[in-house]
């Protein structure tokens, strides 16, 4: 489902939307890494 959304966005050619999606993914990955670090401690 997620990949389908990304594919449709790329097909439509909305570079701004793709950029925002990348930023959201970065935010999610950063939060996940922070949680993992807390668990490691």
C-alpha atoms as a PDB file:
ATOM      1  CA  UNK A   1       0.000   0.000   0.000  1.00  0.00           C
ATOM      2  CA  UNK A   2       2.750   2.446   0.998  1.00  0.00           C
ATOM      3  CA  UNK A   3       4.782   1.608  -2.115  1.00  0.00           C
ATOM      4  CA  UNK A   4       1.670   2.176  -4.226  1.00  0.00           C
ATOM      5  CA  UNK A   5       1.273   5.688  -2.801  1.00  0.00           C
ATOM      6  CA  UNK A   6       4.938   6.443  -3.529  1.00  0.00           C
ATOM      7  CA  UNK A   7       4.557   5.097  -7.085  1.00  0.00           C
ATOM      8  CA  UNK A   8       1.491   7.265  -7.759  1.00  0.00           C
ATOM      9  CA  UNK A   9       3.259  10.352  -6.400  1.00  0.00           C
ATOM     10  CA  UNK A  10       6.296   9.700  -8.611  1.00  0.00           C
ATOM     11  CA  UNK A  11       4.061   9.085 -11.655  1.00  0.00           C
ATOM     12  CA  UNK A  12       2.237  12.371 -11.061  1.00  0.00           C
ATOM     13  CA  UNK A  13       5.610  14.086 -10.831  1.00  0.00           C
ATOM     14  CA  UNK A  14       4.992  15.996  -7.590  1.00  0.00           C
ATOM     15  CA  UNK A  15       8.621  16.497  -6.554  1.00  0.00           C
ATOM     16  CA  UNK A  16       7.572  18.503  -3.512  1.00  0.00           C
ATOM     17  CA  UNK A  17       5.407  15.652  -2.257  1.00  0.00           C
ATOM     18  CA  UNK A  18       8.255  13.168  -2.752  1.00  0.00           C
ATOM     19  CA  UNK A  19      10.592  15.500  -0.849  1.00  0.00           C
ATOM     20  CA  UNK A  20       8.106  15.775   2.022  1.00  0.00           C
ATOM     21  CA  UNK A  21       7.730  11.966   2.101  1.00  0.00           C
ATOM     22  CA  UNK A  22      11.524  11.617   2.338  1.00  0.00           C
ATOM     23  CA  UNK A  23      11.577  14.115   5.213  1.00  0.00           C
ATOM     24  CA  UNK A  24       8.829  12.189   7.038  1.00  0.00           C
ATOM     25  CA  UNK A  25      10.747   8.921   6.530  1.00  0.00           C
ATOM     26  CA  UNK A  26      13.881  10.571   7.967  1.00  0.00           C
ATOM     27  CA  UNK A  27      11.926  11.755  11.004  1.00  0.00           C
ATOM     28  CA  UNK A  28      10.523   8.242  11.572  1.00  0.00           C
ATOM     29  CA  UNK A  29      13.947   6.613  11.216  1.00  0.00           C
ATOM     30  CA  UNK A  30      15.517   9.112  13.635  1.00  0.00           C
ATOM     31  CA  UNK A  31      12.808   8.476  16.252  1.00  0.00           C
ATOM     32  CA  UNK A  32      13.208   4.702  15.806  1.00  0.00           C
ATOM     33  CA  UNK A  33      16.989   4.999  16.275  1.00  0.00           C
ATOM     34  CA  UNK A  34      16.500   7.050  19.443  1.00  0.00           C
ATOM     35  CA  UNK A  35      14.119   4.422  20.845  1.00  0.00           C
ATOM     36  CA  UNK A  36      16.563   1.639  19.962  1.00  0.00           C
ATOM     37  CA  UNK A  37      19.386   3.487  21.749  1.00  0.00           C
ATOM     38  CA  UNK A  38      17.206   3.832  24.855  1.00  0.00           C
ATOM     39  CA  UNK A  39      16.428   0.096  24.757  1.00  0.00           C
ATOM     40  CA  UNK A  40      20.142  -0.729  24.400  1.00  0.00           C
ATOM     41  CA  UNK A  41      20.835   1.157  27.629  1.00  0.00           C
END
